[in-house]
Amino acid sequence: MTDKTYKTYNVEAKGTIKLWMDVEASSQEEAEALAEKCALLKFHERILDTGPWRPLHDGYTLEITSVQPEPDRSCMRPFIPGYDD
């Protein structure tokens, strides 16, 4: 059995969630204009308010953008209660 040494890495990724909604319109242009009015999504207390948009069940992708070794924090002083709060 081989012994392995593990390190901690900070991984950042960019996520994409595909959304859909139904729009009743008389033309594609009108449908696009109505959709554009609802294109701004908002966050409320860490919850994404998607309005009329609904997520696709398989519409989530991640792209890894960075993998870096965790910085060496051995030189940091210990946490001081009442001072560092």
N, C-alpha and C. Protein backbone atom coordinates (compact mmCIF):
# COMPACT_ATOMS: atom_id res chain seq x y z
N MET A 1 0.85 -1.18 0.00
CA MET A 1 0.00 0.00 0.00
C MET A 1 0.89 1.24 0.00
N THR A 2 0.59 2.16 -0.88
CA THR A 2 1.40 3.38 -0.97
C THR A 2 0.77 4.49 -0.15
N ASP A 3 1.62 5.27 0.51
CA ASP A 3 1.14 6.43 1.26
C ASP A 3 1.10 7.62 0.33
N LYS A 4 0.02 8.35 0.37
CA LYS A 4 -0.13 9.54 -0.47
C LYS A 4 -0.20 10.77 0.42
N THR A 5 0.36 11.85 -0.06
CA THR A 5 0.26 13.13 0.62
C THR A 5 -0.75 13.98 -0.13
N TYR A 6 -1.76 14.45 0.59
CA TYR A 6 -2.80 15.24 -0.03
C TYR A 6 -2.64 16.70 0.35
N LYS A 7 -2.96 17.59 -0.57
CA LYS A 7 -2.96 19.03 -0.33
C LYS A 7 -4.36 19.55 -0.63
N THR A 8 -4.68 20.70 -0.10
CA THR A 8 -5.97 21.34 -0.37
C THR A 8 -5.80 22.33 -1.52
N TYR A 9 -6.73 22.30 -2.45
CA TYR A 9 -6.72 23.20 -3.60
C TYR A 9 -8.00 24.02 -3.62
N ASN A 10 -7.90 25.29 -3.98
CA ASN A 10 -9.06 26.15 -4.18
C ASN A 10 -9.47 26.05 -5.64
N VAL A 11 -10.68 25.62 -5.89
CA VAL A 11 -11.19 25.44 -7.25
C VAL A 11 -12.31 26.45 -7.47
N GLU A 12 -12.20 27.23 -8.55
CA GLU A 12 -13.25 28.17 -8.93
C GLU A 12 -13.86 27.70 -10.25
N ALA A 13 -15.16 27.92 -10.38
CA ALA A 13 -15.85 27.50 -11.60
C ALA A 13 -16.90 28.54 -11.96
N LYS A 14 -17.23 28.59 -13.23
CA LYS A 14 -18.30 29.44 -13.73
C LYS A 14 -19.47 28.51 -14.07
N GLY A 15 -20.63 28.77 -13.48
CA GLY A 15 -21.78 27.92 -13.70
C GLY A 15 -22.81 28.58 -14.60
N THR A 16 -23.48 27.76 -15.37
CA THR A 16 -24.56 28.21 -16.25
C THR A 16 -25.80 27.38 -15.98
N ILE A 17 -26.91 28.05 -15.73
CA ILE A 17 -28.18 27.38 -15.53
C ILE A 17 -29.09 27.76 -16.70
N LYS A 18 -29.54 26.77 -17.46
CA LYS A 18 -30.44 27.04 -18.58
C LYS A 18 -31.87 27.15 -18.06
N LEU A 19 -32.55 28.21 -18.49
CA LEU A 19 -33.91 28.49 -18.04
C LEU A 19 -34.86 28.56 -19.23
N TRP A 20 -36.14 28.41 -18.97
CA TRP A 20 -37.16 28.53 -20.02
C TRP A 20 -38.40 29.19 -19.44
N MET A 21 -39.25 29.71 -20.29
CA MET A 21 -40.58 30.18 -19.90
C MET A 21 -41.47 30.18 -21.14
N ASP A 22 -42.76 30.11 -20.91
CA ASP A 22 -43.74 30.20 -22.00
C ASP A 22 -44.19 31.65 -22.12
N VAL A 23 -44.27 32.13 -23.36
CA VAL A 23 -44.73 33.49 -23.64
C VAL A 23 -45.81 33.41 -24.70
N GLU A 24 -46.93 34.07 -24.46
CA GLU A 24 -47.98 34.14 -25.48
C GLU A 24 -47.81 35.45 -26.22
N ALA A 25 -47.56 35.36 -27.52
CA ALA A 25 -47.32 36.56 -28.34
C ALA A 25 -47.81 36.30 -29.75
N SER A 26 -47.98 37.37 -30.51
CA SER A 26 -48.47 37.24 -31.88
C SER A 26 -47.33 37.05 -32.89
N SER A 27 -46.09 37.27 -32.46
CA SER A 27 -44.95 37.07 -33.36
C SER A 27 -43.70 36.74 -32.54
N GLN A 28 -42.68 36.26 -33.24
CA GLN A 28 -41.43 35.94 -32.56
C GLN A 28 -40.79 37.20 -31.99
N GLU A 29 -40.88 38.30 -32.72
CA GLU A 29 -40.32 39.56 -32.24
C GLU A 29 -40.98 40.02 -30.95
N GLU A 30 -42.31 39.89 -30.91
CA GLU A 30 -43.03 40.27 -29.70
C GLU A 30 -42.65 39.35 -28.54
N ALA A 31 -42.52 38.06 -28.81
CA ALA A 31 -42.11 37.10 -27.78
C ALA A 31 -40.72 37.44 -27.24
N GLU A 32 -39.78 37.79 -28.14
CA GLU A 32 -38.43 38.17 -27.71
C GLU A 32 -38.46 39.43 -26.86
N ALA A 33 -39.29 40.41 -27.25
CA ALA A 33 -39.41 41.65 -26.48
C ALA A 33 -39.97 41.38 -25.08
N LEU A 34 -40.98 40.52 -25.00
CA LEU A 34 -41.55 40.18 -23.70
C LEU A 34 -40.53 39.44 -22.83
N ALA A 35 -39.77 38.55 -23.45
CA ALA A 35 -38.75 37.81 -22.71
C ALA A 35 -37.65 38.75 -22.21
N GLU A 36 -37.27 39.72 -23.02
CA GLU A 36 -36.23 40.69 -22.61
C GLU A 36 -36.65 41.48 -21.38
N LYS A 37 -37.96 41.77 -21.26
CA LYS A 37 -38.45 42.50 -20.10
C LYS A 37 -38.25 41.70 -18.81
N CYS A 38 -38.20 40.39 -18.93
CA CYS A 38 -38.05 39.51 -17.77
C CYS A 38 -36.62 38.97 -17.65
N ALA A 39 -35.70 39.54 -18.38
CA ALA A 39 -34.34 38.98 -18.43
C ALA A 39 -33.51 39.28 -17.19
N LEU A 40 -33.90 40.26 -16.38
CA LEU A 40 -33.14 40.61 -15.19
C LEU A 40 -33.55 39.70 -14.04
N LEU A 41 -32.60 38.89 -13.58
CA LEU A 41 -32.86 38.02 -12.44
C LEU A 41 -32.30 38.69 -11.19
N LYS A 42 -32.93 38.45 -10.05
CA LYS A 42 -32.54 39.12 -8.82
C LYS A 42 -32.24 38.12 -7.71
N PHE A 43 -31.36 38.52 -6.81
CA PHE A 43 -31.09 37.73 -5.62
C PHE A 43 -31.76 38.40 -4.42
N HIS A 44 -32.47 37.62 -3.62
CA HIS A 44 -33.10 38.09 -2.39
C HIS A 44 -32.64 37.17 -1.27
N GLU A 45 -31.84 37.69 -0.36
CA GLU A 45 -31.38 36.92 0.79
C GLU A 45 -30.82 35.57 0.36
N ARG A 46 -29.89 35.60 -0.58
CA ARG A 46 -29.19 34.41 -1.09
C ARG A 46 -30.09 33.45 -1.86
N ILE A 47 -31.27 33.88 -2.25
CA ILE A 47 -32.17 33.04 -3.06
C ILE A 47 -32.36 33.75 -4.39
N LEU A 48 -32.19 33.01 -5.47
CA LEU A 48 -32.35 33.57 -6.81
C LEU A 48 -33.83 33.66 -7.16
N ASP A 49 -34.30 34.87 -7.43
CA ASP A 49 -35.68 35.09 -7.86
C ASP A 49 -35.69 35.07 -9.38
N THR A 50 -36.19 33.99 -9.97
CA THR A 50 -36.17 33.84 -11.43
C THR A 50 -37.44 34.34 -12.09
N GLY A 51 -38.39 34.86 -11.31
CA GLY A 51 -39.62 35.37 -11.90
C GLY A 51 -40.35 34.28 -12.67
N PRO A 52 -40.74 34.54 -13.93
CA PRO A 52 -41.47 33.54 -14.71
C PRO A 52 -40.57 32.44 -15.28
N TRP A 53 -39.25 32.62 -15.18
CA TRP A 53 -38.32 31.64 -15.74
C TRP A 53 -38.29 30.38 -14.88
N ARG A 54 -38.19 29.23 -15.54
CA ARG A 54 -38.10 27.93 -14.87
C ARG A 54 -36.84 27.23 -15.32
N PRO A 55 -36.10 26.59 -14.39
CA PRO A 55 -34.87 25.89 -14.79
C PRO A 55 -35.17 24.59 -15.51
N LEU A 56 -34.33 24.27 -16.49
CA LEU A 56 -34.39 22.96 -17.13
C LEU A 56 -33.77 21.96 -16.17
N HIS A 57 -34.29 20.75 -16.13
CA HIS A 57 -33.79 19.76 -15.18
C HIS A 57 -32.35 19.34 -15.48
N ASP A 58 -31.97 19.31 -16.74
CA ASP A 58 -30.61 18.89 -17.10
C ASP A 58 -29.80 20.07 -17.64
N GLY A 59 -30.21 21.30 -17.32
CA GLY A 59 -29.60 22.47 -17.94
C GLY A 59 -28.55 23.16 -17.11
N TYR A 60 -27.71 22.40 -16.40
CA TYR A 60 -26.68 23.02 -15.57
C TYR A 60 -25.30 22.55 -16.03
N THR A 61 -24.42 23.50 -16.27
CA THR A 61 -23.06 23.15 -16.67
C THR A 61 -22.07 23.96 -15.84
N LEU A 62 -20.90 23.41 -15.63
CA LEU A 62 -19.81 24.08 -14.92
C LEU A 62 -18.58 24.11 -15.80
N GLU A 63 -17.88 25.22 -15.77
CA GLU A 63 -16.60 25.35 -16.45
C GLU A 63 -15.57 25.72 -15.39
N ILE A 64 -14.59 24.85 -15.16
CA ILE A 64 -13.55 25.11 -14.17
C ILE A 64 -12.69 26.25 -14.70
N THR A 65 -12.55 27.31 -13.91
CA THR A 65 -11.78 28.48 -14.36
C THR A 65 -10.44 28.60 -13.66
N SER A 66 -10.28 27.99 -12.49
CA SER A 66 -9.02 28.13 -11.76
C SER A 66 -8.87 27.00 -10.76
N VAL A 67 -7.66 26.45 -10.68
CA VAL A 67 -7.30 25.49 -9.65
C VAL A 67 -5.96 25.94 -9.09
N GLN A 68 -5.96 26.35 -7.82
CA GLN A 68 -4.75 26.88 -7.18
C GLN A 68 -4.54 26.18 -5.85
N PRO A 69 -3.28 25.93 -5.48
CA PRO A 69 -3.03 25.39 -4.14
C PRO A 69 -3.50 26.39 -3.09
N GLU A 70 -4.05 25.88 -2.01
CA GLU A 70 -4.47 26.76 -0.93
C GLU A 70 -3.26 27.49 -0.38
N PRO A 71 -3.36 28.79 -0.11
CA PRO A 71 -2.21 29.53 0.38
C PRO A 71 -1.75 29.01 1.74
N ASP A 72 -0.46 29.13 1.98
CA ASP A 72 0.12 28.72 3.25
C ASP A 72 -0.29 29.73 4.32
N ARG A 73 -1.03 29.27 5.29
CA ARG A 73 -1.50 30.16 6.36
C ARG A 73 -0.81 29.87 7.68
N SER A 74 0.31 29.18 7.64
CA SER A 74 1.00 28.82 8.88
C SER A 74 1.56 30.03 9.61
N CYS A 75 1.78 31.14 8.90
CA CYS A 75 2.34 32.32 9.54
C CYS A 75 1.27 33.22 10.16
N MET A 76 0.01 32.86 10.00
CA MET A 76 -1.07 33.68 10.55
C MET A 76 -1.17 33.48 12.06
N ARG A 77 -1.47 34.55 12.78
CA ARG A 77 -1.64 34.44 14.22
C ARG A 77 -2.99 33.77 14.51
N PRO A 78 -3.16 33.20 15.70
CA PRO A 78 -4.44 32.57 16.04
C PRO A 78 -5.56 33.59 16.19
N PHE A 79 -6.78 33.13 16.06
CA PHE A 79 -7.97 33.96 16.23
C PHE A 79 -8.04 34.46 17.67
N ILE A 80 -8.34 35.75 17.85
CA ILE A 80 -8.45 36.34 19.18
C ILE A 80 -9.91 36.73 19.38
N PRO A 81 -10.64 36.00 20.25
CA PRO A 81 -12.04 36.34 20.51
C PRO A 81 -12.17 37.73 21.11
N GLY A 82 -13.18 38.48 20.67
CA GLY A 82 -13.39 39.83 21.15
C GLY A 82 -12.61 40.87 20.39
N TYR A 83 -11.53 40.48 19.73
CA TYR A 83 -10.71 41.41 18.94
C TYR A 83 -10.95 41.21 17.46
N ASP A 84 -11.04 39.96 17.01
CA ASP A 84 -11.20 39.64 15.59
C ASP A 84 -12.66 39.50 15.17
N ASP A 85 -13.60 39.66 16.09
CA ASP A 85 -15.02 39.48 15.76
C ASP A 85 -15.49 40.53 14.79
